[in-house]
Amino acid sequence: MIETNIDFPAGLPNGLRADHQANHVQPFQRTTMADGRARQRRRFSSVSSMQTFTWIFKANEAALFEAWFRDAIKDGAEWFNIKRLTPLGMSVLVCRFSSMYRGPVLLGVDRWQFSAELEVWERPLMPVGWGEFPEFVLGSSIIDIALNREWPEA
């Protein structure tokens, strides 16, 4: 896992939920055999993903976004941290722009839309081993309620 001390500007709104999509790099290799069957094996245990982001900014926010892109992340070449809703909840992802953002597109009277595809260093997953205990993961809300009711001081 890489780390960076560059953050997406805190004063800017998070990306929109609409059209939020993640495409993960395939972590396994598949080989088709002569008889039509296939063999598969894990090739990587950690892979990146490409995620779509869309933002809608006020004029001053749009100006800040473009200046931050140019100055802080060197026109998109640097890795940075950004908050994103994932199945694990709100997560901080380490990512970079995979290509130039699209926009600004004027929406209505005074809003600007930007969209981009970001390369996320590592797909957000539960810690290794939790996949072997599905009953605890699926029942985690019940466990959380019981712990907070029985041991609120903990």
Protein backbone atom coordinates (compact mmCIF):
# COMPACT_ATOMS: atom_id res chain seq x y z
CA MET A 1 0.00 0.00 0.00
CA ILE A 2 1.35 3.39 -0.92
CA GLU A 3 0.75 6.54 1.09
CA THR A 4 0.52 10.19 0.16
CA ASN A 5 0.10 13.37 2.15
CA ILE A 6 -1.83 15.13 -0.64
CA ASP A 7 -5.56 15.28 0.05
CA PHE A 8 -8.48 16.22 -2.16
CA PRO A 9 -9.45 19.72 -0.94
CA ALA A 10 -11.60 19.42 2.18
CA GLY A 11 -13.86 22.31 1.18
CA LEU A 12 -14.96 20.70 -2.08
CA PRO A 13 -18.02 18.43 -2.23
CA ASN A 14 -17.63 14.67 -2.56
CA GLY A 15 -18.24 12.98 -5.88
CA LEU A 16 -21.83 12.28 -6.85
CA ARG A 17 -23.40 8.92 -6.09
CA ALA A 18 -25.06 8.70 -9.50
CA ASP A 19 -23.05 6.66 -12.01
CA HIS A 20 -20.55 5.68 -9.30
CA GLN A 21 -18.83 2.65 -10.80
CA ALA A 22 -15.71 0.64 -10.01
CA ASN A 23 -13.96 -1.69 -12.46
CA HIS A 24 -11.36 -3.88 -10.79
CA VAL A 25 -8.31 -5.33 -12.52
CA GLN A 26 -8.65 -9.10 -12.77
CA PRO A 27 -6.56 -10.73 -9.99
CA PHE A 28 -6.50 -14.20 -11.57
CA GLN A 29 -5.20 -15.72 -14.77
CA ARG A 30 -7.32 -18.04 -16.88
CA THR A 31 -5.90 -20.51 -19.39
CA THR A 32 -8.22 -22.36 -21.79
CA MET A 33 -7.18 -25.96 -22.30
CA ALA A 34 -7.45 -28.00 -25.52
CA ASP A 35 -10.47 -29.92 -24.22
CA GLY A 36 -12.43 -26.69 -23.69
CA ARG A 37 -12.05 -26.60 -19.93
CA ALA A 38 -10.00 -23.90 -18.29
CA ARG A 39 -7.53 -23.59 -15.45
CA GLN A 40 -7.45 -20.59 -13.20
CA ARG A 41 -5.01 -19.38 -10.58
CA ARG A 42 -4.54 -16.28 -8.50
CA ARG A 43 -2.00 -14.04 -10.17
CA PHE A 44 -2.11 -11.04 -7.84
CA SER A 45 -3.39 -10.60 -4.28
CA SER A 46 -3.61 -6.82 -4.60
CA VAL A 47 -4.96 -5.07 -7.68
CA SER A 48 -6.03 -1.57 -8.57
CA SER A 49 -9.42 -0.47 -9.80
CA MET A 50 -10.68 2.25 -12.09
CA GLN A 51 -13.49 4.34 -10.63
CA THR A 52 -15.66 7.00 -12.20
CA PHE A 53 -16.07 10.28 -10.36
CA THR A 54 -18.39 13.18 -11.15
CA TRP A 55 -18.46 16.45 -9.23
CA ILE A 56 -20.72 19.49 -9.40
CA PHE A 57 -19.11 22.69 -8.17
CA LYS A 58 -20.02 26.33 -7.65
CA ALA A 59 -17.82 28.73 -9.65
CA ASN A 60 -15.28 29.31 -6.85
CA GLU A 61 -15.12 25.56 -6.12
CA ALA A 62 -14.52 24.83 -9.82
CA ALA A 63 -11.69 27.37 -9.89
CA LEU A 64 -10.15 25.77 -6.78
CA PHE A 65 -10.44 22.27 -8.27
CA GLU A 66 -8.61 23.25 -11.45
CA ALA A 67 -5.89 25.11 -9.51
CA TRP A 68 -5.45 22.16 -7.10
CA PHE A 69 -5.19 19.78 -10.07
CA ARG A 70 -2.48 21.93 -11.64
CA ASP A 71 -0.51 22.82 -8.51
CA ALA A 72 -0.96 20.15 -5.81
CA ILE A 73 -1.05 17.02 -7.96
CA LYS A 74 1.08 18.35 -10.82
CA ASP A 75 -1.61 18.25 -13.52
CA GLY A 76 -2.83 14.83 -12.39
CA ALA A 77 0.49 13.00 -12.17
CA GLU A 78 0.60 12.61 -8.36
CA TRP A 79 -1.28 10.22 -6.07
CA PHE A 80 -3.73 11.77 -3.59
CA ASN A 81 -6.29 10.78 -0.94
CA ILE A 82 -10.01 11.15 -1.53
CA LYS A 83 -13.08 10.07 0.44
CA ARG A 84 -15.49 7.73 -1.31
CA LEU A 85 -18.50 5.71 -0.22
CA THR A 86 -17.72 1.99 -0.56
CA PRO A 87 -19.42 -1.17 0.70
CA LEU A 88 -17.24 -0.75 3.82
CA GLY A 89 -18.66 2.73 4.44
CA MET A 90 -16.90 6.04 3.83
CA SER A 91 -13.31 5.16 2.94
CA VAL A 92 -10.20 7.15 2.11
CA LEU A 93 -8.81 5.92 -1.20
CA VAL A 94 -5.33 6.56 -2.58
CA CYS A 95 -5.74 7.39 -6.24
CA ARG A 96 -4.61 9.41 -9.25
CA PHE A 97 -6.18 10.60 -12.46
CA SER A 98 -5.86 8.02 -15.26
CA SER A 99 -6.56 10.67 -17.89
CA MET A 100 -7.49 14.32 -18.08
CA TYR A 101 -10.78 15.21 -16.40
CA ARG A 102 -13.76 16.23 -18.54
CA GLY A 103 -15.27 19.66 -17.98
CA PRO A 104 -16.10 22.20 -16.86
CA VAL A 105 -19.62 21.78 -18.24
CA LEU A 106 -22.04 24.55 -17.31
CA LEU A 107 -25.15 23.24 -15.57
CA GLY A 108 -28.05 25.60 -15.07
CA VAL A 109 -27.10 29.14 -14.15
CA ASP A 110 -24.05 28.77 -11.93
CA ARG A 111 -22.92 25.17 -11.45
CA TRP A 112 -20.02 23.39 -13.16
CA GLN A 113 -19.70 19.65 -13.73
CA PHE A 114 -16.40 17.78 -13.91
CA SER A 115 -15.95 14.05 -14.40
CA ALA A 116 -12.92 11.78 -14.44
CA GLU A 117 -11.74 8.23 -14.19
CA LEU A 118 -9.42 7.68 -11.23
CA GLU A 119 -7.03 4.80 -10.72
CA VAL A 120 -7.42 3.56 -7.14
CA TRP A 121 -4.26 1.93 -5.78
CA GLU A 122 -6.05 -0.94 -4.08
CA ARG A 123 -9.66 -2.03 -4.12
CA PRO A 124 -11.31 -1.37 -0.76
CA LEU A 125 -11.83 -4.73 0.95
CA MET A 126 -12.26 -6.10 4.45
CA PRO A 127 -9.03 -7.29 6.11
CA VAL A 128 -7.65 -10.65 4.97
CA GLY A 129 -9.37 -13.55 6.69
CA TRP A 130 -12.83 -12.02 7.17
CA GLY A 131 -14.12 -13.83 4.07
CA GLU A 132 -13.83 -17.07 6.05
CA PHE A 133 -16.40 -15.89 8.65
CA PRO A 134 -19.48 -14.85 6.67
CA GLU A 135 -21.82 -15.27 9.66
CA PHE A 136 -19.92 -12.60 11.60
CA VAL A 137 -19.84 -10.20 8.67
CA LEU A 138 -23.54 -10.62 7.87
CA GLY A 139 -24.49 -10.38 11.55
CA SER A 140 -22.18 -7.48 12.35
CA SER A 141 -25.01 -5.00 12.95
CA ILE A 142 -26.54 -7.32 15.60
CA ILE A 143 -23.15 -7.79 17.26
CA ASP A 144 -22.61 -4.01 17.26
CA ILE A 145 -26.00 -3.38 18.88
CA ALA A 146 -25.39 -6.07 21.53
CA LEU A 147 -21.92 -4.79 22.39
CA ASN A 148 -23.10 -1.19 22.70
CA ARG A 149 -26.08 -2.19 24.83
CA GLU A 150 -24.17 -4.58 27.13
CA TRP A 151 -20.79 -2.77 27.31
CA PRO A 152 -21.38 0.91 26.41
CA GLU A 153 -18.29 2.03 28.34
CA ALA A 154 -15.95 -0.10 26.24
